[in-house]
Amino acid sequence: MAALDLSGKRVLITQSSTFMGPVLCKLFAQFGAEVIADERALLDPALPQAIVQAAGRIDVLIANLAIPAPTTPAVQVGDDEWRDAFAHMVDPLPRLIRAVLPQMIQRRSGKILLIGSASALRGMKRTSTYSAARGAQLSYIQAVGVEAAPHNVQINAIAQNFVENPTYFPLEVQANPAFQERLKREVPLGRLVTQQEDAQFAAYLCSDAADCFVGQVFPLCGGWVAR
């Protein structure tokens, strides 16, 4: 991974100040990319197009779209929670891709990577809203990835869980013996995937070395989905 070279690549990273955003911005810049960081939640339907127009040429789009996962039991989930999850994580995705994909098709070159969640790949209690939205993201990426492949544009997704993240796994949680036992019980790797490992894999998928992947979803969760 250390040999990756993203020099000359203009990379747009959404929600750049939350979840995986900061580490992605830092690592992509270290690999030589010109990072265009946008911190906003993309609730305004016109915002994705405006961001892309302002950025100009985009070689790589990192769709980092996330909210803290609700933990409401399914029978108690209301319409507002459901709509909010889809408004933050699902609705912006096709808007971003409609905005950026035409220029990539015209150049016959480009990468789009969704930072998704493995909650869409394995059932979890009290995550019905979140998992449904994450599943919609992955299904969309798989379909559009197949459409874009003949134009030499690669669209894929990372489905992560049990990755170092101050939102879900702050240091005090990681130090809790009960959480350490949970890791041993649920995650074959026996530890959290580091943010650096996650971001390095993202950088690889966005590099010229990864032109063969088409609409693929890569679990990055220490083996959690295999259990």
Protein backbone atom coordinates (compact mmCIF):
# COMPACT_ATOMS: atom_id res chain seq x y z
CA MET A 1 0.00 0.00 0.00
CA ALA A 2 2.89 2.37 0.71
CA ALA A 3 3.75 2.38 -2.99
CA LEU A 4 0.38 3.82 -4.01
CA ASP A 5 0.64 7.01 -6.02
CA LEU A 6 -2.45 9.19 -6.41
CA SER A 7 -0.51 12.17 -7.74
CA GLY A 8 -2.58 14.23 -10.14
CA LYS A 9 -5.87 12.73 -8.94
CA ARG A 10 -8.56 15.18 -7.87
CA VAL A 11 -10.57 13.45 -5.12
CA LEU A 12 -13.90 14.67 -3.78
CA ILE A 13 -14.68 13.39 -0.27
CA THR A 14 -18.13 14.09 1.16
CA GLN A 15 -18.91 14.50 4.88
CA SER A 16 -15.19 15.03 5.22
CA SER A 17 -15.24 15.96 8.91
CA THR A 18 -17.23 12.99 10.21
CA PHE A 19 -16.84 9.21 10.51
CA MET A 20 -14.16 8.08 8.01
CA GLY A 21 -13.86 11.53 6.43
CA PRO A 22 -10.85 12.95 8.31
CA VAL A 23 -8.60 9.89 7.92
CA LEU A 24 -9.54 9.53 4.24
CA CYS A 25 -8.65 13.18 3.58
CA LYS A 26 -5.32 12.83 5.37
CA LEU A 27 -4.25 9.57 3.74
CA PHE A 28 -5.31 10.48 0.20
CA ALA A 29 -3.33 13.70 0.51
CA GLN A 30 -0.31 11.73 1.74
CA PHE A 31 -0.56 9.60 -1.40
CA GLY A 32 -0.38 12.75 -3.51
CA ALA A 33 -4.04 13.39 -4.33
CA GLU A 34 -5.58 16.83 -4.49
CA VAL A 35 -8.38 16.46 -1.94
CA ILE A 36 -11.59 18.42 -2.30
CA ALA A 37 -13.22 18.09 1.10
CA ASP A 38 -16.87 18.95 1.67
CA GLU A 39 -18.17 18.72 5.23
CA ARG A 40 -21.89 19.16 4.65
CA ALA A 41 -24.70 16.65 4.99
CA LEU A 42 -26.24 16.50 1.54
CA LEU A 43 -29.89 17.01 2.44
CA ASP A 44 -30.47 19.77 -0.12
CA PRO A 45 -31.27 17.99 -3.41
CA ALA A 46 -29.39 20.65 -5.37
CA LEU A 47 -26.21 20.46 -3.30
CA PRO A 48 -24.47 17.45 -4.91
CA GLN A 49 -24.67 19.02 -8.38
CA ALA A 50 -23.47 22.35 -7.02
CA ILE A 51 -20.48 20.73 -5.29
CA VAL A 52 -19.43 18.89 -8.43
CA GLN A 53 -19.83 21.96 -10.62
CA ALA A 54 -17.71 24.01 -8.24
CA ALA A 55 -15.03 21.31 -8.08
CA GLY A 56 -14.59 20.95 -11.84
CA ARG A 57 -12.71 17.82 -12.81
CA ILE A 58 -13.17 14.97 -10.36
CA ASP A 59 -11.13 11.81 -10.87
CA VAL A 60 -12.34 10.07 -7.73
CA LEU A 61 -15.54 10.43 -5.71
CA ILE A 62 -15.58 9.09 -2.17
CA ALA A 63 -19.23 8.96 -1.11
CA ASN A 64 -18.91 9.09 2.67
CA LEU A 65 -22.56 9.34 3.74
CA ALA A 66 -23.32 8.42 7.33
CA ILE A 67 -25.33 9.13 10.45
CA PRO A 68 -25.12 7.65 13.95
CA ALA A 69 -27.12 4.43 13.73
CA PRO A 70 -30.55 4.57 15.40
CA THR A 71 -31.21 1.72 17.82
CA THR A 72 -35.00 1.72 17.77
CA PRO A 73 -36.78 -1.65 17.89
CA ALA A 74 -38.43 -2.32 14.52
CA VAL A 75 -41.97 -2.12 15.89
CA GLN A 76 -41.26 1.35 17.25
CA VAL A 77 -39.62 2.85 14.15
CA GLY A 78 -41.62 5.84 12.97
CA ASP A 79 -41.80 7.42 9.55
CA ASP A 80 -39.59 10.33 10.62
CA GLU A 81 -36.68 8.06 11.62
CA TRP A 82 -37.02 6.06 8.40
CA ARG A 83 -37.14 9.13 6.17
CA ASP A 84 -34.23 10.77 8.02
CA ALA A 85 -31.94 7.77 7.48
CA PHE A 86 -32.75 7.59 3.78
CA ALA A 87 -32.51 11.37 3.36
CA HIS A 88 -28.98 11.40 4.77
CA MET A 89 -27.54 8.20 3.34
CA VAL A 90 -29.53 7.06 0.31
CA ASP A 91 -31.05 10.05 -1.48
CA PRO A 92 -27.72 11.93 -1.91
CA LEU A 93 -26.00 8.93 -3.54
CA PRO A 94 -27.73 8.94 -6.96
CA ARG A 95 -27.56 12.74 -6.98
CA LEU A 96 -23.80 12.61 -6.52
CA ILE A 97 -23.37 9.97 -9.18
CA ARG A 98 -25.64 11.74 -11.68
CA ALA A 99 -23.53 14.84 -11.15
CA VAL A 100 -20.07 13.27 -11.49
CA LEU A 101 -20.48 10.22 -13.72
CA PRO A 102 -21.02 12.02 -17.07
CA GLN A 103 -17.57 13.67 -16.96
CA MET A 104 -15.96 10.35 -16.04
CA ILE A 105 -17.73 8.60 -18.92
CA GLN A 106 -16.61 11.31 -21.29
CA ARG A 107 -12.97 10.89 -20.20
CA ARG A 108 -13.33 7.10 -19.97
CA SER A 109 -11.68 7.26 -16.58
CA GLY A 110 -12.83 7.54 -13.00
CA LYS A 111 -13.40 5.88 -9.66
CA ILE A 112 -16.39 6.09 -7.32
CA LEU A 113 -16.21 4.46 -3.90
CA LEU A 114 -19.00 4.28 -1.34
CA ILE A 115 -18.03 4.02 2.31
CA GLY A 116 -20.86 1.75 3.38
CA SER A 117 -21.67 -0.57 6.25
CA ALA A 118 -21.56 -4.31 6.83
CA SER A 119 -24.84 -3.92 8.73
CA ALA A 120 -26.42 -4.45 5.31
CA LEU A 121 -24.80 -7.88 5.04
CA ARG A 122 -25.71 -9.43 8.39
CA GLY A 123 -28.80 -8.98 10.54
CA MET A 124 -28.41 -6.97 13.72
CA LYS A 125 -31.00 -6.30 16.39
CA ARG A 126 -32.43 -2.78 16.65
CA THR A 127 -30.86 -1.57 13.41
CA SER A 128 -33.68 -2.09 10.92
CA THR A 129 -33.76 1.51 9.72
CA TYR A 130 -30.01 1.89 9.43
CA SER A 131 -29.49 -1.52 7.83
CA ALA A 132 -32.24 -0.89 5.27
CA ALA A 133 -30.66 2.39 4.20
CA ARG A 134 -27.21 0.84 4.04
CA GLY A 135 -28.59 -2.05 2.00
CA ALA A 136 -30.15 0.38 -0.48
CA GLN A 137 -26.76 2.05 -0.87
CA LEU A 138 -25.02 -1.23 -1.69
CA SER A 139 -27.68 -2.40 -4.15
CA TYR A 140 -27.47 0.89 -5.98
CA ILE A 141 -23.67 0.72 -6.20
CA GLN A 142 -23.79 -2.83 -7.56
CA ALA A 143 -26.24 -1.85 -10.31
CA VAL A 144 -24.55 1.39 -11.34
CA GLY A 145 -21.15 -0.27 -11.19
CA VAL A 146 -22.24 -2.68 -13.92
CA GLU A 147 -23.52 0.20 -16.06
CA ALA A 148 -20.34 2.23 -15.70
CA ALA A 149 -17.83 -0.57 -16.29
CA PRO A 150 -17.96 -0.49 -20.13
CA HIS A 151 -16.96 3.19 -19.91
CA ASN A 152 -13.83 2.31 -17.90
CA VAL A 153 -15.28 3.81 -14.72
CA GLN A 154 -15.04 1.64 -11.62
CA ILE A 155 -17.75 1.97 -8.96
CA ASN A 156 -17.47 -0.11 -5.78
CA ALA A 157 -18.19 -0.06 -2.05
CA ILE A 158 -16.54 -0.87 1.24
CA ALA A 159 -18.95 -2.39 3.77
CA GLN A 160 -17.32 -1.83 7.13
CA ASN A 161 -17.96 -2.64 10.76
CA PHE A 162 -15.75 -2.96 13.80
CA VAL A 163 -13.46 -0.27 12.41
CA GLU A 164 -11.85 2.20 14.81
CA ASN A 165 -14.29 5.07 14.98
CA PRO A 166 -14.70 7.65 17.75
CA THR A 167 -18.45 7.68 17.14
CA TYR A 168 -19.00 4.00 17.90
CA PHE A 169 -15.77 2.85 19.53
CA PRO A 170 -14.22 5.66 21.59
CA LEU A 171 -11.20 4.78 23.71
CA GLU A 172 -13.25 4.25 26.84
CA VAL A 173 -15.40 1.69 25.03
CA GLN A 174 -12.35 -0.08 23.62
CA ALA A 175 -10.86 -0.30 27.14
CA ASN A 176 -14.02 -1.88 28.58
CA PRO A 177 -13.43 -5.58 29.36
CA ALA A 178 -16.97 -6.40 28.24
CA PHE A 179 -16.27 -4.87 24.83
CA GLN A 180 -12.97 -6.74 24.58
CA GLU A 181 -14.84 -9.98 25.23
CA ARG A 182 -17.39 -9.02 22.59
CA LEU A 183 -14.60 -8.55 20.07
CA LYS A 184 -13.23 -12.01 20.83
CA ARG A 185 -16.71 -13.49 20.57
CA GLU A 186 -17.99 -11.75 17.42
CA VAL A 187 -14.93 -10.74 15.38
CA PRO A 188 -12.61 -13.50 14.15
CA LEU A 189 -9.78 -10.96 13.81
CA GLY A 190 -10.05 -10.38 17.56
CA ARG A 191 -9.57 -6.62 17.30
CA LEU A 192 -10.89 -3.55 15.56
CA VAL A 193 -9.74 -2.84 12.02
CA THR A 194 -7.73 0.38 12.24
CA GLN A 195 -8.83 3.52 10.45
CA GLN A 196 -5.48 3.49 8.66
CA GLU A 197 -6.06 -0.02 7.32
CA ASP A 198 -9.53 0.98 6.14
CA ALA A 199 -8.33 4.16 4.44
CA GLN A 200 -5.39 2.39 2.79
CA PHE A 201 -7.75 -0.14 1.24
CA ALA A 202 -9.98 2.71 0.04
CA ALA A 203 -6.95 4.37 -1.55
CA TYR A 204 -6.02 1.14 -3.30
CA LEU A 205 -9.54 0.77 -4.74
CA CYS A 206 -9.30 4.33 -6.06
CA SER A 207 -5.89 3.83 -7.66
CA ASP A 208 -4.93 2.77 -11.17
CA ALA A 209 -3.95 -0.60 -9.71
CA ALA A 210 -7.63 -1.46 -9.12
CA ASP A 211 -9.23 -1.21 -12.55
CA CYS A 212 -10.72 -4.71 -12.51
CA PHE A 213 -13.42 -4.35 -9.84
CA VAL A 214 -17.01 -3.86 -11.04
CA GLY A 215 -19.90 -3.06 -8.69
CA GLN A 216 -18.30 -5.00 -5.88
CA VAL A 217 -18.98 -4.77 -2.16
CA PHE A 218 -15.93 -5.46 -0.01
CA PRO A 219 -16.65 -6.38 3.63
CA LEU A 220 -14.06 -4.81 5.90
CA CYS A 221 -15.00 -5.99 9.35
CA GLY A 222 -12.44 -8.45 10.68
CA GLY A 223 -14.49 -11.42 9.49
CA TRP A 224 -17.67 -10.38 11.33
CA VAL A 225 -19.98 -11.10 8.37
CA ALA A 226 -18.51 -14.57 7.89
CA ARG A 227 -19.72 -15.77 11.28
